[in-house]
Amino acid sequence: MASHDGLKCRKTLGKRERIHLERDFRRIFREGKRVHTAFFTVVLCPNSLGFRRVAVVVPKKVGKAVKRNRIKRLIREFFRLNKCRLKPSTDYIFVGHRGAEGLGYRQLEEILGVLFER
């Protein structure tokens, strides 16, 4: 386990690390900072919880359910493996766009690597 901010950073994705509530989504979209990449928009917003949280949104225009769910799985895996490198106490909403359905994990990791620079 990697250490970050004095806490151990586990490579898991627990229930508390997911954004579920509509009021949280509204707050993040309203107050958050947007980072645009080739196939994604990432909305970042500070939280007061002391840990990172994630949500993934992939609209129907990207493709049918199988393609959308694959993108969601890849992004959750990216978050799980790299959360120790992301800002602490921050909420992340990943919004997928057309073209993302053809990406492999390595390509996705390369594209989203821009988040580590923030």
Protein backbone atom coordinates (compact mmCIF):
# COMPACT_ATOMS: atom_id res chain seq x y z
CA MET A 1 0.00 0.00 0.00
CA ALA A 2 1.21 3.44 -0.88
CA SER A 3 1.20 6.16 1.71
CA HIS A 4 -0.24 9.61 1.02
CA ASP A 5 -1.05 12.40 3.46
CA GLY A 6 0.05 10.23 6.36
CA LEU A 7 -2.69 7.68 5.62
CA LYS A 8 -2.43 4.32 3.96
CA CYS A 9 -3.89 4.34 0.48
CA ARG A 10 -5.58 1.05 -0.36
CA LYS A 11 -6.09 -0.03 -3.94
CA THR A 12 -9.79 -0.71 -3.41
CA LEU A 13 -12.94 1.16 -4.33
CA GLY A 14 -15.31 1.09 -1.41
CA LYS A 15 -18.91 2.25 -1.24
CA ARG A 16 -18.01 5.45 0.61
CA GLU A 17 -15.63 6.40 -2.24
CA ARG A 18 -18.49 6.63 -4.73
CA ILE A 19 -20.70 9.65 -5.25
CA HIS A 20 -24.36 8.60 -5.00
CA LEU A 21 -26.52 11.51 -3.96
CA GLU A 22 -28.17 13.85 -6.44
CA ARG A 23 -27.38 16.86 -4.23
CA ASP A 24 -23.67 15.95 -4.39
CA PHE A 25 -23.83 15.71 -8.20
CA ARG A 26 -25.53 19.12 -8.39
CA ARG A 27 -22.97 20.73 -6.08
CA ILE A 28 -20.01 19.27 -7.95
CA PHE A 29 -21.33 20.26 -11.39
CA ARG A 30 -22.18 23.77 -10.08
CA GLU A 31 -18.98 24.50 -8.12
CA GLY A 32 -16.44 22.18 -9.71
CA LYS A 33 -13.55 22.92 -12.02
CA ARG A 34 -13.65 21.20 -15.41
CA VAL A 35 -10.70 19.54 -17.09
CA HIS A 36 -11.23 18.57 -20.75
CA THR A 37 -9.31 15.74 -22.40
CA ALA A 38 -9.67 14.00 -25.75
CA PHE A 39 -12.59 11.73 -24.78
CA PHE A 40 -13.52 12.89 -21.27
CA THR A 41 -14.52 15.85 -19.19
CA VAL A 42 -13.51 15.57 -15.55
CA VAL A 43 -15.21 17.76 -12.96
CA LEU A 44 -13.14 18.23 -9.78
CA CYS A 45 -14.54 19.73 -6.61
CA PRO A 46 -13.07 19.87 -3.10
CA ASN A 47 -14.93 18.03 -0.35
CA SER A 48 -14.65 18.09 3.43
CA LEU A 49 -14.65 14.31 3.89
CA GLY A 50 -10.89 13.74 3.96
CA PHE A 51 -10.90 11.21 1.10
CA ARG A 52 -11.44 11.11 -2.66
CA ARG A 53 -14.74 10.12 -4.26
CA VAL A 54 -15.64 9.21 -7.83
CA ALA A 55 -18.63 8.99 -10.16
CA VAL A 56 -18.74 8.10 -13.83
CA VAL A 57 -21.35 9.41 -16.27
CA VAL A 58 -21.53 8.09 -19.83
CA PRO A 59 -24.47 9.42 -21.91
CA LYS A 60 -26.47 7.18 -24.23
CA LYS A 61 -25.13 8.97 -27.30
CA VAL A 62 -21.77 7.24 -26.66
CA GLY A 63 -23.25 3.83 -27.42
CA LYS A 64 -25.38 1.02 -26.13
CA ALA A 65 -25.21 -0.25 -22.55
CA VAL A 66 -22.36 -2.72 -23.15
CA LYS A 67 -20.06 0.04 -24.46
CA ARG A 68 -21.08 2.54 -21.76
CA ASN A 69 -20.56 -0.01 -18.98
CA ARG A 70 -17.11 -0.92 -20.32
CA ILE A 71 -16.06 2.73 -20.21
CA LYS A 72 -17.37 3.00 -16.64
CA ARG A 73 -15.41 -0.10 -15.58
CA LEU A 74 -12.20 1.23 -17.13
CA ILE A 75 -12.54 4.61 -15.41
CA ARG A 76 -13.32 3.05 -12.03
CA GLU A 77 -10.26 0.83 -12.45
CA PHE A 78 -8.15 3.89 -13.33
CA PHE A 79 -9.42 5.65 -10.19
CA ARG A 80 -8.84 2.59 -7.99
CA LEU A 81 -5.25 2.12 -9.13
CA ASN A 82 -4.28 5.81 -9.19
CA LYS A 83 -6.29 7.43 -6.39
CA CYS A 84 -3.19 7.87 -4.24
CA ARG A 85 -1.74 10.11 -6.94
CA LEU A 86 -4.88 12.28 -7.17
CA LYS A 87 -5.68 15.26 -4.95
CA PRO A 88 -6.93 14.28 -1.49
CA SER A 89 -10.37 15.44 -0.29
CA THR A 90 -11.63 15.90 -3.83
CA ASP A 91 -14.69 14.64 -5.69
CA TYR A 92 -14.19 13.52 -9.30
CA ILE A 93 -16.95 13.10 -11.87
CA PHE A 94 -15.77 11.59 -15.15
CA VAL A 95 -18.02 12.26 -18.15
CA GLY A 96 -17.36 10.07 -21.18
CA HIS A 97 -17.71 11.34 -24.75
CA ARG A 98 -17.99 9.69 -28.16
CA GLY A 99 -14.87 7.80 -29.16
CA ALA A 100 -14.08 6.64 -25.61
CA GLU A 101 -15.68 3.27 -26.29
CA GLY A 102 -12.72 2.27 -28.47
CA LEU A 103 -10.05 2.99 -25.87
CA GLY A 104 -8.01 0.36 -24.08
CA TYR A 105 -6.93 0.79 -20.47
CA ARG A 106 -3.40 2.01 -21.36
CA GLN A 107 -4.78 4.65 -23.73
CA LEU A 108 -7.28 5.79 -21.10
CA GLU A 109 -4.50 6.01 -18.50
CA GLU A 110 -2.41 8.13 -20.87
CA ILE A 111 -5.29 10.52 -21.59
CA LEU A 112 -6.32 10.90 -17.94
CA GLY A 113 -2.71 11.32 -16.79
CA VAL A 114 -3.31 15.06 -17.09
CA LEU A 115 -5.09 14.84 -13.70
CA PHE A 116 -1.80 14.12 -11.94
CA GLU A 117 -0.45 17.51 -12.97
CA ARG A 118 -3.20 19.38 -11.13
